[in-house]
């Protein structure tokens, strides 16, 4: 029986964190930078994680379980 193989092109473009988040690089940050502001260019260096709408597609291509970036920062304050 054949084995499920992950998509090699996708593996070269992402990194998986220990918790299962998918770390990516934003598009348009490599070339044609002269008209972009310094603030925008610096923002390309920040850690970026795959959006929740892409996670299902990424999980299918990798044959792996992935989780989204947690957005529950205000959960603790709303419980009080």
C-alpha atoms as a PDB file:
ATOM      1  CA  UNK A   1       0.000   0.000   0.000  1.00  0.00           C
ATOM      2  CA  UNK A   2       1.442   3.427  -0.918  1.00  0.00           C
ATOM      3  CA  UNK A   3       2.456   5.869   1.782  1.00  0.00           C
ATOM      4  CA  UNK A   4       1.147   9.416   2.081  1.00  0.00           C
ATOM      5  CA  UNK A   5       3.894  11.819   1.055  1.00  0.00           C
ATOM      6  CA  UNK A   6       3.971  15.494   2.050  1.00  0.00           C
ATOM      7  CA  UNK A   7       4.120  18.147  -0.642  1.00  0.00           C
ATOM      8  CA  UNK A   8       7.825  18.994  -1.041  1.00  0.00           C
ATOM      9  CA  UNK A   9       7.194  22.462  -2.453  1.00  0.00           C
ATOM     10  CA  UNK A  10       5.173  23.409   0.609  1.00  0.00           C
ATOM     11  CA  UNK A  11       7.746  21.946   2.994  1.00  0.00           C
ATOM     12  CA  UNK A  12      10.378  24.305   1.560  1.00  0.00           C
ATOM     13  CA  UNK A  13       8.208  27.353   2.259  1.00  0.00           C
ATOM     14  CA  UNK A  14       6.978  26.732   5.814  1.00  0.00           C
ATOM     15  CA  UNK A  15       8.199  25.678   9.229  1.00  0.00           C
ATOM     16  CA  UNK A  16       6.165  23.824  11.811  1.00  0.00           C
ATOM     17  CA  UNK A  17       6.457  24.963  15.415  1.00  0.00           C
ATOM     18  CA  UNK A  18       6.462  22.593  18.357  1.00  0.00           C
ATOM     19  CA  UNK A  19       2.817  23.358  19.097  1.00  0.00           C
ATOM     20  CA  UNK A  20       1.772  22.652  15.496  1.00  0.00           C
ATOM     21  CA  UNK A  21       1.471  26.199  14.195  1.00  0.00           C
ATOM     22  CA  UNK A  22       2.544  26.846  10.617  1.00  0.00           C
ATOM     23  CA  UNK A  23       5.171  29.598  10.359  1.00  0.00           C
ATOM     24  CA  UNK A  24       5.374  31.326   6.977  1.00  0.00           C
ATOM     25  CA  UNK A  25       7.065  34.288   5.282  1.00  0.00           C
ATOM     26  CA  UNK A  26       4.903  37.042   3.852  1.00  0.00           C
ATOM     27  CA  UNK A  27       4.883  37.642   0.129  1.00  0.00           C
ATOM     28  CA  UNK A  28       6.391  40.698  -1.622  1.00  0.00           C
ATOM     29  CA  UNK A  29       9.236  41.228   0.835  1.00  0.00           C
ATOM     30  CA  UNK A  30      12.197  40.121  -1.281  1.00  0.00           C
ATOM     31  CA  UNK A  31      12.472  42.447  -4.281  1.00  0.00           C
ATOM     32  CA  UNK A  32      11.072  45.721  -5.663  1.00  0.00           C
ATOM     33  CA  UNK A  33      11.565  47.287  -2.261  1.00  0.00           C
ATOM     34  CA  UNK A  34      12.538  50.833  -3.234  1.00  0.00           C
ATOM     35  CA  UNK A  35       8.986  52.185  -3.188  1.00  0.00           C
ATOM     36  CA  UNK A  36       8.038  50.400   0.046  1.00  0.00           C
ATOM     37  CA  UNK A  37       8.272  52.182   3.374  1.00  0.00           C
ATOM     38  CA  UNK A  38      10.801  51.175   6.001  1.00  0.00           C
ATOM     39  CA  UNK A  39       7.971  50.292   8.345  1.00  0.00           C
ATOM     40  CA  UNK A  40       6.543  47.856   5.799  1.00  0.00           C
ATOM     41  CA  UNK A  41       9.938  46.282   5.064  1.00  0.00           C
ATOM     42  CA  UNK A  42      10.573  45.818   8.792  1.00  0.00           C
ATOM     43  CA  UNK A  43       7.161  44.205   9.187  1.00  0.00           C
ATOM     44  CA  UNK A  44       8.190  41.492   6.719  1.00  0.00           C
ATOM     45  CA  UNK A  45      10.806  40.344   9.246  1.00  0.00           C
ATOM     46  CA  UNK A  46       8.233  39.615  11.946  1.00  0.00           C
ATOM     47  CA  UNK A  47       7.063  36.099  12.662  1.00  0.00           C
ATOM     48  CA  UNK A  48       3.960  35.309  10.645  1.00  0.00           C
ATOM     49  CA  UNK A  49       1.714  32.312  10.985  1.00  0.00           C
ATOM     50  CA  UNK A  50      -0.650  30.771   8.469  1.00  0.00           C
ATOM     51  CA  UNK A  51      -4.185  32.064   8.548  1.00  0.00           C
ATOM     52  CA  UNK A  52      -6.946  29.825   9.819  1.00  0.00           C
ATOM     53  CA  UNK A  53      -8.543  29.697   6.390  1.00  0.00           C
ATOM     54  CA  UNK A  54      -5.396  28.073   4.943  1.00  0.00           C
ATOM     55  CA  UNK A  55      -4.855  25.459   7.651  1.00  0.00           C
ATOM     56  CA  UNK A  56      -7.181  22.827   6.213  1.00  0.00           C
ATOM     57  CA  UNK A  57      -5.458  23.001   2.822  1.00  0.00           C
ATOM     58  CA  UNK A  58      -1.994  22.889   4.418  1.00  0.00           C
ATOM     59  CA  UNK A  59      -2.942  19.907   6.566  1.00  0.00           C
ATOM     60  CA  UNK A  60      -4.080  18.001   3.486  1.00  0.00           C
ATOM     61  CA  UNK A  61      -0.865  18.742   1.592  1.00  0.00           C
ATOM     62  CA  UNK A  62       1.343  17.745   4.520  1.00  0.00           C
ATOM     63  CA  UNK A  63      -0.723  14.809   5.785  1.00  0.00           C
ATOM     64  CA  UNK A  64      -0.132  16.220   9.257  1.00  0.00           C
ATOM     65  CA  UNK A  65      -2.109  17.792  12.046  1.00  0.00           C
ATOM     66  CA  UNK A  66      -1.765  21.568  12.251  1.00  0.00           C
ATOM     67  CA  UNK A  67      -3.182  24.151  14.622  1.00  0.00           C
ATOM     68  CA  UNK A  68      -3.890  27.806  14.126  1.00  0.00           C
ATOM     69  CA  UNK A  69      -2.473  30.811  15.877  1.00  0.00           C
ATOM     70  CA  UNK A  70      -4.347  31.243  19.121  1.00  0.00           C
ATOM     71  CA  UNK A  71      -6.367  34.445  19.223  1.00  0.00           C
ATOM     72  CA  UNK A  72      -7.488  34.086  22.843  1.00  0.00           C
ATOM     73  CA  UNK A  73      -5.371  36.935  24.259  1.00  0.00           C
ATOM     74  CA  UNK A  74      -8.380  38.679  25.785  1.00  0.00           C
ATOM     75  CA  UNK A  75      -9.971  35.508  27.124  1.00  0.00           C
ATOM     76  CA  UNK A  76      -8.336  35.824  30.543  1.00  0.00           C
ATOM     77  CA  UNK A  77      -9.510  39.393  31.050  1.00  0.00           C
ATOM     78  CA  UNK A  78     -13.098  38.611  30.022  1.00  0.00           C
ATOM     79  CA  UNK A  79     -13.391  35.814  32.618  1.00  0.00           C
ATOM     80  CA  UNK A  80     -12.850  38.210  35.534  1.00  0.00           C
END
